[in-house]
Amino acid sequence: MKVYTYTEARQNLASLLDQAAREGEVRIKRKDGQVFVIRLQPKTKSPLEVEGIDLGITTQEIVDFIDEGRRTD
């Protein structure tokens, strides 16, 4: 794995990000010897992404239940 200098990374950031996506990670080394790793973070699903459940009722029945629950008489 090639280690890029800070200057190389700064000049070629877009291609470094593409390489990190392809190869898993890219390393960047500063003049003082510090090495940083850029890695693609996997996408996480939203907690709101859930599979639907077939309740065997129609949309109209659901609307009717909601209307009934909102009645105040």
N, C-alpha and C. Protein backbone atom coordinates (compact mmCIF):
# COMPACT_ATOMS: atom_id res chain seq x y z
N MET A 1 0.85 -1.17 0.00
CA MET A 1 0.00 0.00 0.00
C MET A 1 0.89 1.24 0.00
N LYS A 2 0.62 2.12 -0.92
CA LYS A 2 1.39 3.36 -1.01
C LYS A 2 0.97 4.31 0.10
N VAL A 3 1.94 4.98 0.68
CA VAL A 3 1.68 6.01 1.69
C VAL A 3 1.94 7.34 1.01
N TYR A 4 0.94 8.20 1.03
CA TYR A 4 1.03 9.50 0.37
C TYR A 4 1.54 10.55 1.34
N THR A 5 2.25 11.53 0.80
CA THR A 5 2.64 12.67 1.62
C THR A 5 1.42 13.58 1.77
N TYR A 6 1.49 14.47 2.75
CA TYR A 6 0.40 15.40 2.99
C TYR A 6 0.15 16.24 1.73
N THR A 7 1.21 16.69 1.09
CA THR A 7 1.07 17.53 -0.11
C THR A 7 0.41 16.75 -1.24
N GLU A 8 0.82 15.50 -1.44
CA GLU A 8 0.20 14.66 -2.48
C GLU A 8 -1.29 14.46 -2.18
N ALA A 9 -1.59 14.20 -0.93
CA ALA A 9 -2.98 13.96 -0.54
C ALA A 9 -3.83 15.21 -0.77
N ARG A 10 -3.29 16.36 -0.39
CA ARG A 10 -4.03 17.61 -0.55
C ARG A 10 -4.29 17.91 -2.03
N GLN A 11 -3.33 17.63 -2.88
CA GLN A 11 -3.47 17.92 -4.31
C GLN A 11 -4.36 16.92 -5.03
N ASN A 12 -4.50 15.72 -4.48
CA ASN A 12 -5.24 14.65 -5.15
C ASN A 12 -6.32 14.05 -4.27
N LEU A 13 -6.99 14.86 -3.49
CA LEU A 13 -7.93 14.36 -2.50
C LEU A 13 -9.04 13.51 -3.12
N ALA A 14 -9.63 13.97 -4.21
CA ALA A 14 -10.74 13.23 -4.83
C ALA A 14 -10.29 11.82 -5.24
N SER A 15 -9.11 11.72 -5.86
CA SER A 15 -8.65 10.39 -6.29
C SER A 15 -8.26 9.52 -5.09
N LEU A 16 -7.77 10.14 -4.01
CA LEU A 16 -7.46 9.38 -2.80
C LEU A 16 -8.72 8.81 -2.18
N LEU A 17 -9.80 9.59 -2.18
CA LEU A 17 -11.06 9.10 -1.64
C LEU A 17 -11.60 7.95 -2.48
N ASP A 18 -11.45 8.06 -3.80
CA ASP A 18 -11.87 6.96 -4.69
C ASP A 18 -11.04 5.71 -4.41
N GLN A 19 -9.75 5.89 -4.21
CA GLN A 19 -8.88 4.76 -3.93
C GLN A 19 -9.24 4.11 -2.59
N ALA A 20 -9.55 4.93 -1.60
CA ALA A 20 -9.95 4.38 -0.29
C ALA A 20 -11.23 3.57 -0.43
N ALA A 21 -12.15 4.02 -1.27
CA ALA A 21 -13.39 3.27 -1.50
C ALA A 21 -13.11 1.94 -2.18
N ARG A 22 -12.17 1.92 -3.11
CA ARG A 22 -11.83 0.70 -3.84
C ARG A 22 -11.01 -0.28 -3.00
N GLU A 23 -9.99 0.24 -2.32
CA GLU A 23 -9.01 -0.62 -1.67
C GLU A 23 -9.20 -0.77 -0.16
N GLY A 24 -10.11 -0.01 0.41
CA GLY A 24 -10.36 -0.14 1.84
C GLY A 24 -9.81 1.00 2.67
N GLU A 25 -8.61 1.47 2.34
CA GLU A 25 -8.04 2.59 3.08
C GLU A 25 -6.87 3.20 2.33
N VAL A 26 -6.51 4.42 2.73
CA VAL A 26 -5.36 5.14 2.18
C VAL A 26 -4.62 5.74 3.36
N ARG A 27 -3.30 5.73 3.30
CA ARG A 27 -2.49 6.29 4.39
C ARG A 27 -1.81 7.57 3.93
N ILE A 28 -1.78 8.55 4.83
CA ILE A 28 -1.15 9.83 4.55
C ILE A 28 -0.15 10.11 5.67
N LYS A 29 1.09 10.47 5.28
CA LYS A 29 2.15 10.69 6.25
C LYS A 29 2.58 12.16 6.22
N ARG A 30 2.63 12.75 7.42
CA ARG A 30 3.09 14.13 7.55
C ARG A 30 4.62 14.17 7.68
N LYS A 31 5.17 15.35 7.53
CA LYS A 31 6.62 15.51 7.66
C LYS A 31 7.13 15.09 9.03
N ASP A 32 6.29 15.30 10.06
CA ASP A 32 6.72 14.97 11.43
C ASP A 32 6.60 13.47 11.73
N GLY A 33 6.17 12.67 10.74
CA GLY A 33 6.10 11.22 10.90
C GLY A 33 4.73 10.68 11.26
N GLN A 34 3.79 11.55 11.60
CA GLN A 34 2.44 11.09 11.92
C GLN A 34 1.80 10.49 10.67
N VAL A 35 1.13 9.35 10.85
CA VAL A 35 0.46 8.68 9.74
C VAL A 35 -1.03 8.63 10.04
N PHE A 36 -1.82 9.02 9.05
CA PHE A 36 -3.28 9.01 9.18
C PHE A 36 -3.85 8.03 8.17
N VAL A 37 -4.95 7.42 8.53
CA VAL A 37 -5.63 6.46 7.66
C VAL A 37 -6.98 7.04 7.28
N ILE A 38 -7.26 7.06 5.98
CA ILE A 38 -8.58 7.46 5.48
C ILE A 38 -9.26 6.19 5.02
N ARG A 39 -10.45 5.94 5.58
CA ARG A 39 -11.18 4.71 5.29
C ARG A 39 -12.63 5.06 5.01
N LEU A 40 -13.23 4.37 4.07
CA LEU A 40 -14.65 4.56 3.77
C LEU A 40 -15.47 4.02 4.92
N GLN A 41 -16.36 4.84 5.44
CA GLN A 41 -17.25 4.38 6.51
C GLN A 41 -18.47 3.74 5.87
N PRO A 42 -18.80 2.51 6.27
CA PRO A 42 -19.94 1.84 5.66
C PRO A 42 -21.24 2.60 5.93
N LYS A 43 -22.12 2.55 4.96
CA LYS A 43 -23.42 3.19 5.14
C LYS A 43 -24.20 2.45 6.21
N THR A 44 -24.88 3.20 7.01
CA THR A 44 -25.73 2.58 8.01
C THR A 44 -27.17 2.82 7.63
N LYS A 45 -27.99 1.86 7.94
CA LYS A 45 -29.40 2.00 7.64
C LYS A 45 -30.06 2.89 8.68
N SER A 46 -31.06 3.57 8.25
CA SER A 46 -31.85 4.38 9.17
C SER A 46 -32.63 3.45 10.09
N PRO A 47 -32.77 3.81 11.35
CA PRO A 47 -33.58 2.98 12.24
C PRO A 47 -35.05 2.98 11.83
N LEU A 48 -35.41 3.90 10.95
CA LEU A 48 -36.79 3.96 10.47
C LEU A 48 -37.04 3.04 9.27
N GLU A 49 -35.96 2.45 8.73
CA GLU A 49 -36.12 1.53 7.61
C GLU A 49 -36.48 0.15 8.16
N VAL A 50 -37.76 -0.13 8.18
CA VAL A 50 -38.23 -1.43 8.66
C VAL A 50 -39.11 -2.06 7.60
N GLU A 51 -39.13 -3.37 7.59
CA GLU A 51 -39.98 -4.07 6.64
C GLU A 51 -41.44 -3.88 7.01
N GLY A 52 -42.27 -3.79 5.99
CA GLY A 52 -43.70 -3.67 6.22
C GLY A 52 -44.29 -5.00 6.66
N ILE A 53 -45.45 -4.91 7.28
CA ILE A 53 -46.15 -6.10 7.76
C ILE A 53 -47.51 -6.15 7.08
N ASP A 54 -47.86 -7.27 6.52
CA ASP A 54 -49.17 -7.42 5.89
C ASP A 54 -50.18 -7.78 6.97
N LEU A 55 -51.02 -6.80 7.29
CA LEU A 55 -52.03 -7.01 8.32
C LEU A 55 -53.34 -7.53 7.76
N GLY A 56 -53.41 -7.59 6.45
CA GLY A 56 -54.63 -8.09 5.83
C GLY A 56 -55.80 -7.11 5.90
N ILE A 57 -55.49 -5.81 6.03
CA ILE A 57 -56.55 -4.81 6.02
C ILE A 57 -56.27 -3.79 4.92
N THR A 58 -57.28 -3.11 4.51
CA THR A 58 -57.14 -2.16 3.41
C THR A 58 -56.74 -0.78 3.94
N THR A 59 -56.30 0.05 3.02
CA THR A 59 -55.96 1.43 3.37
C THR A 59 -57.18 2.14 3.94
N GLN A 60 -58.33 1.91 3.33
CA GLN A 60 -59.55 2.57 3.81
C GLN A 60 -59.88 2.15 5.24
N GLU A 61 -59.65 0.89 5.57
CA GLU A 61 -59.90 0.44 6.94
C GLU A 61 -58.96 1.15 7.93
N ILE A 62 -57.74 1.35 7.54
CA ILE A 62 -56.79 2.06 8.39
C ILE A 62 -57.25 3.50 8.61
N VAL A 63 -57.66 4.16 7.52
CA VAL A 63 -58.15 5.54 7.61
C VAL A 63 -59.37 5.59 8.52
N ASP A 64 -60.26 4.62 8.40
CA ASP A 64 -61.46 4.57 9.25
C ASP A 64 -61.08 4.42 10.73
N PHE A 65 -60.09 3.57 11.04
CA PHE A 65 -59.63 3.40 12.42
C PHE A 65 -59.08 4.72 12.97
N ILE A 66 -58.32 5.41 12.15
CA ILE A 66 -57.75 6.69 12.58
C ILE A 66 -58.85 7.71 12.85
N ASP A 67 -59.79 7.80 11.90
CA ASP A 67 -60.92 8.73 12.09
C ASP A 67 -61.68 8.41 13.36
N GLU A 68 -61.92 7.14 13.61
CA GLU A 68 -62.66 6.72 14.81
C GLU A 68 -61.90 7.12 16.08
N GLY A 69 -60.60 6.98 16.06
CA GLY A 69 -59.80 7.33 17.21
C GLY A 69 -59.76 8.83 17.47
N ARG A 70 -59.97 9.63 16.43
CA ARG A 70 -59.93 11.10 16.58
C ARG A 70 -61.27 11.70 17.02
N ARG A 71 -62.32 10.93 16.94
CA ARG A 71 -63.65 11.44 17.31
C ARG A 71 -63.69 11.75 18.79
N THR A 72 -64.32 12.86 19.13
CA THR A 72 -64.40 13.27 20.54
C THR A 72 -65.84 13.22 21.08
N ASP A 73 -66.79 12.69 20.27
CA ASP A 73 -68.19 12.67 20.71
C ASP A 73 -68.48 11.56 21.64
